[in-house]
Amino acid sequence: MGRAKEPVTLSAEQIHDLHGKLRTMRHDINNHLSLIVAAAELIRYKPDMIERMSATLIEQPPKITAEMAKFSSELERLLGVAP
């Protein structure tokens, strides 16, 4: 990660916007994790569901990674520390 060349000042509006994006990211990641837990529980109690639920399990990590990358890019842009 790069280093800011000078102090960074964010406006109240930018901070508010960034906080909203952080809340959205947390919410979306929690949703993806909930799907993982639900699929694992279904597989535990109904092993015949493994084939159907494995797709749900496999789809979630890339979605989580994408959510984190999206927020990280925005944060790095605002802070002037893009990689």
N, C-alpha and C. Protein backbone atom coordinates (compact mmCIF):
# COMPACT_ATOMS: atom_id res chain seq x y z
N MET A 1 0.84 -1.17 0.00
CA MET A 1 0.00 0.00 0.00
C MET A 1 0.89 1.23 0.00
N GLY A 2 0.48 2.22 -0.77
CA GLY A 2 1.22 3.46 -0.83
C GLY A 2 1.06 4.28 0.42
N ARG A 3 1.75 5.37 0.44
CA ARG A 3 1.70 6.27 1.59
C ARG A 3 1.30 7.66 1.11
N ALA A 4 0.41 8.30 1.84
CA ALA A 4 -0.01 9.64 1.46
C ALA A 4 1.19 10.57 1.47
N LYS A 5 1.26 11.43 0.47
CA LYS A 5 2.39 12.35 0.36
C LYS A 5 2.20 13.59 1.23
N GLU A 6 0.98 13.84 1.65
CA GLU A 6 0.67 14.99 2.50
C GLU A 6 -0.54 14.65 3.36
N PRO A 7 -0.82 15.43 4.39
CA PRO A 7 -1.98 15.16 5.22
C PRO A 7 -3.27 15.14 4.40
N VAL A 8 -4.18 14.29 4.80
CA VAL A 8 -5.44 14.13 4.09
C VAL A 8 -6.56 14.71 4.95
N THR A 9 -7.37 15.54 4.34
CA THR A 9 -8.52 16.11 5.03
C THR A 9 -9.78 15.66 4.31
N LEU A 10 -10.69 15.09 5.06
CA LEU A 10 -11.97 14.67 4.50
C LEU A 10 -13.05 15.59 5.02
N SER A 11 -13.97 15.91 4.16
CA SER A 11 -15.10 16.74 4.57
C SER A 11 -16.08 15.89 5.38
N ALA A 12 -16.96 16.56 6.09
CA ALA A 12 -18.00 15.85 6.84
C ALA A 12 -18.84 15.00 5.90
N GLU A 13 -19.11 15.51 4.72
CA GLU A 13 -19.90 14.76 3.74
C GLU A 13 -19.15 13.51 3.27
N GLN A 14 -17.85 13.63 3.03
CA GLN A 14 -17.06 12.47 2.62
C GLN A 14 -17.02 11.41 3.72
N ILE A 15 -16.89 11.85 4.96
CA ILE A 15 -16.87 10.92 6.08
C ILE A 15 -18.22 10.22 6.20
N HIS A 16 -19.29 10.99 6.07
CA HIS A 16 -20.65 10.43 6.13
C HIS A 16 -20.84 9.39 5.02
N ASP A 17 -20.40 9.73 3.81
CA ASP A 17 -20.51 8.82 2.67
C ASP A 17 -19.69 7.56 2.90
N LEU A 18 -18.48 7.72 3.38
CA LEU A 18 -17.61 6.58 3.66
C LEU A 18 -18.22 5.68 4.73
N HIS A 19 -18.78 6.30 5.76
CA HIS A 19 -19.42 5.52 6.82
C HIS A 19 -20.61 4.73 6.26
N GLY A 20 -21.38 5.33 5.38
CA GLY A 20 -22.49 4.62 4.73
C GLY A 20 -22.00 3.43 3.93
N LYS A 21 -20.90 3.61 3.22
CA LYS A 21 -20.33 2.51 2.44
C LYS A 21 -19.80 1.41 3.36
N LEU A 22 -19.24 1.77 4.49
CA LEU A 22 -18.77 0.79 5.46
C LEU A 22 -19.95 -0.01 6.01
N ARG A 23 -21.04 0.69 6.36
CA ARG A 23 -22.24 0.00 6.87
C ARG A 23 -22.79 -0.96 5.82
N THR A 24 -22.84 -0.52 4.58
CA THR A 24 -23.34 -1.38 3.50
C THR A 24 -22.45 -2.61 3.34
N MET A 25 -21.13 -2.41 3.37
CA MET A 25 -20.21 -3.53 3.24
C MET A 25 -20.42 -4.53 4.38
N ARG A 26 -20.50 -4.04 5.61
CA ARG A 26 -20.71 -4.94 6.76
C ARG A 26 -22.01 -5.72 6.59
N HIS A 27 -23.07 -5.04 6.19
CA HIS A 27 -24.37 -5.68 6.00
C HIS A 27 -24.29 -6.77 4.93
N ASP A 28 -23.69 -6.44 3.80
CA ASP A 28 -23.59 -7.40 2.70
C ASP A 28 -22.73 -8.60 3.07
N ILE A 29 -21.62 -8.36 3.75
CA ILE A 29 -20.75 -9.47 4.16
C ILE A 29 -21.48 -10.35 5.18
N ASN A 30 -22.20 -9.74 6.12
CA ASN A 30 -22.98 -10.54 7.07
C ASN A 30 -24.02 -11.39 6.35
N ASN A 31 -24.64 -10.85 5.31
CA ASN A 31 -25.60 -11.64 4.52
C ASN A 31 -24.93 -12.84 3.87
N HIS A 32 -23.76 -12.62 3.29
CA HIS A 32 -23.04 -13.73 2.65
C HIS A 32 -22.65 -14.78 3.69
N LEU A 33 -22.19 -14.35 4.85
CA LEU A 33 -21.82 -15.29 5.90
C LEU A 33 -23.04 -16.05 6.41
N SER A 34 -24.17 -15.38 6.48
CA SER A 34 -25.42 -16.05 6.91
C SER A 34 -25.79 -17.16 5.94
N LEU A 35 -25.58 -16.92 4.65
CA LEU A 35 -25.87 -17.96 3.66
C LEU A 35 -24.94 -19.16 3.83
N ILE A 36 -23.68 -18.89 4.17
CA ILE A 36 -22.73 -19.98 4.41
C ILE A 36 -23.18 -20.81 5.61
N VAL A 37 -23.55 -20.14 6.69
CA VAL A 37 -24.00 -20.84 7.90
C VAL A 37 -25.27 -21.64 7.61
N ALA A 38 -26.22 -21.03 6.91
CA ALA A 38 -27.47 -21.72 6.60
C ALA A 38 -27.22 -22.96 5.73
N ALA A 39 -26.36 -22.82 4.74
CA ALA A 39 -26.05 -23.96 3.87
C ALA A 39 -25.37 -25.07 4.67
N ALA A 40 -24.44 -24.70 5.54
CA ALA A 40 -23.75 -25.70 6.36
C ALA A 40 -24.73 -26.43 7.29
N GLU A 41 -25.66 -25.68 7.88
CA GLU A 41 -26.66 -26.29 8.75
C GLU A 41 -27.57 -27.24 7.97
N LEU A 42 -28.00 -26.82 6.79
CA LEU A 42 -28.83 -27.70 5.97
C LEU A 42 -28.09 -28.99 5.62
N ILE A 43 -26.83 -28.85 5.26
CA ILE A 43 -26.03 -30.03 4.91
C ILE A 43 -25.88 -30.94 6.13
N ARG A 44 -25.72 -30.34 7.31
CA ARG A 44 -25.56 -31.14 8.53
C ARG A 44 -26.80 -31.98 8.80
N TYR A 45 -27.97 -31.37 8.68
CA TYR A 45 -29.20 -32.07 9.02
C TYR A 45 -29.87 -32.78 7.85
N LYS A 46 -29.50 -32.40 6.65
CA LYS A 46 -30.04 -33.05 5.45
C LYS A 46 -28.89 -33.29 4.47
N PRO A 47 -28.10 -34.31 4.73
CA PRO A 47 -26.92 -34.58 3.87
C PRO A 47 -27.24 -34.70 2.39
N ASP A 48 -28.49 -35.05 2.06
CA ASP A 48 -28.87 -35.15 0.65
C ASP A 48 -28.88 -33.78 -0.05
N MET A 49 -28.79 -32.71 0.72
CA MET A 49 -28.80 -31.35 0.16
C MET A 49 -27.39 -30.87 -0.22
N ILE A 50 -26.39 -31.69 0.00
CA ILE A 50 -25.00 -31.23 -0.20
C ILE A 50 -24.74 -30.73 -1.61
N GLU A 51 -25.24 -31.42 -2.59
CA GLU A 51 -24.98 -30.99 -3.97
C GLU A 51 -25.60 -29.62 -4.24
N ARG A 52 -26.81 -29.42 -3.79
CA ARG A 52 -27.50 -28.15 -4.01
C ARG A 52 -26.87 -27.01 -3.20
N MET A 53 -26.50 -27.29 -1.97
CA MET A 53 -25.97 -26.26 -1.09
C MET A 53 -24.49 -25.95 -1.34
N SER A 54 -23.79 -26.88 -1.96
CA SER A 54 -22.37 -26.63 -2.23
C SER A 54 -22.18 -25.42 -3.14
N ALA A 55 -23.10 -25.22 -4.06
CA ALA A 55 -23.01 -24.05 -4.94
C ALA A 55 -23.12 -22.77 -4.12
N THR A 56 -24.04 -22.74 -3.15
CA THR A 56 -24.19 -21.57 -2.28
C THR A 56 -22.91 -21.33 -1.50
N LEU A 57 -22.32 -22.40 -0.98
CA LEU A 57 -21.07 -22.27 -0.22
C LEU A 57 -19.94 -21.71 -1.08
N ILE A 58 -19.82 -22.22 -2.27
CA ILE A 58 -18.73 -21.82 -3.17
C ILE A 58 -18.89 -20.39 -3.67
N GLU A 59 -20.12 -19.92 -3.83
CA GLU A 59 -20.37 -18.58 -4.38
C GLU A 59 -20.06 -17.46 -3.40
N GLN A 60 -20.12 -17.72 -2.10
CA GLN A 60 -20.03 -16.64 -1.12
C GLN A 60 -18.64 -16.01 -0.94
N PRO A 61 -17.56 -16.79 -0.83
CA PRO A 61 -16.25 -16.14 -0.62
C PRO A 61 -15.87 -15.11 -1.69
N PRO A 62 -16.09 -15.38 -2.99
CA PRO A 62 -15.75 -14.34 -3.97
C PRO A 62 -16.60 -13.08 -3.80
N LYS A 63 -17.84 -13.25 -3.38
CA LYS A 63 -18.70 -12.08 -3.15
C LYS A 63 -18.19 -11.26 -1.97
N ILE A 64 -17.74 -11.94 -0.93
CA ILE A 64 -17.18 -11.24 0.23
C ILE A 64 -15.91 -10.50 -0.18
N THR A 65 -15.06 -11.17 -0.92
CA THR A 65 -13.82 -10.55 -1.39
C THR A 65 -14.12 -9.32 -2.25
N ALA A 66 -15.12 -9.41 -3.10
CA ALA A 66 -15.49 -8.28 -3.96
C ALA A 66 -16.00 -7.10 -3.14
N GLU A 67 -16.80 -7.37 -2.11
CA GLU A 67 -17.31 -6.30 -1.23
C GLU A 67 -16.16 -5.59 -0.54
N MET A 68 -15.21 -6.37 -0.02
CA MET A 68 -14.07 -5.77 0.68
C MET A 68 -13.19 -4.98 -0.28
N ALA A 69 -12.97 -5.50 -1.48
CA ALA A 69 -12.14 -4.81 -2.47
C ALA A 69 -12.77 -3.49 -2.90
N LYS A 70 -14.09 -3.50 -3.07
CA LYS A 70 -14.81 -2.29 -3.47
C LYS A 70 -14.64 -1.20 -2.41
N PHE A 71 -14.85 -1.55 -1.16
CA PHE A 71 -14.71 -0.56 -0.09
C PHE A 71 -13.25 -0.12 0.05
N SER A 72 -12.33 -1.07 0.00
CA SER A 72 -10.91 -0.74 0.14
C SER A 72 -10.45 0.23 -0.94
N SER A 73 -10.89 0.00 -2.17
CA SER A 73 -10.51 0.90 -3.27
C SER A 73 -10.99 2.31 -3.03
N GLU A 74 -12.24 2.43 -2.57
CA GLU A 74 -12.80 3.75 -2.29
C GLU A 74 -12.04 4.43 -1.14
N LEU A 75 -11.74 3.70 -0.10
CA LEU A 75 -11.01 4.24 1.02
C LEU A 75 -9.61 4.68 0.59
N GLU A 76 -8.92 3.84 -0.15
CA GLU A 76 -7.58 4.19 -0.61
C GLU A 76 -7.60 5.41 -1.52
N ARG A 77 -8.63 5.51 -2.36
CA ARG A 77 -8.75 6.68 -3.23
C ARG A 77 -8.92 7.95 -2.41
N LEU A 78 -9.82 7.89 -1.44
CA LEU A 78 -10.06 9.08 -0.60
C LEU A 78 -8.83 9.48 0.21
N LEU A 79 -8.07 8.49 0.65
CA LEU A 79 -6.89 8.77 1.46
C LEU A 79 -5.65 9.06 0.62
N GLY A 80 -5.76 8.86 -0.69
CA GLY A 80 -4.62 9.11 -1.57
C GLY A 80 -3.49 8.12 -1.40
N VAL A 81 -3.86 6.87 -1.09
CA VAL A 81 -2.84 5.85 -0.86
C VAL A 81 -3.07 4.63 -1.77
N ALA A 82 -3.56 4.89 -2.98
CA ALA A 82 -3.82 3.79 -3.90
C ALA A 82 -2.54 3.00 -4.13
N PRO A 83 -2.70 1.67 -4.23
CA PRO A 83 -1.50 0.81 -4.38
C PRO A 83 -0.74 1.07 -5.65
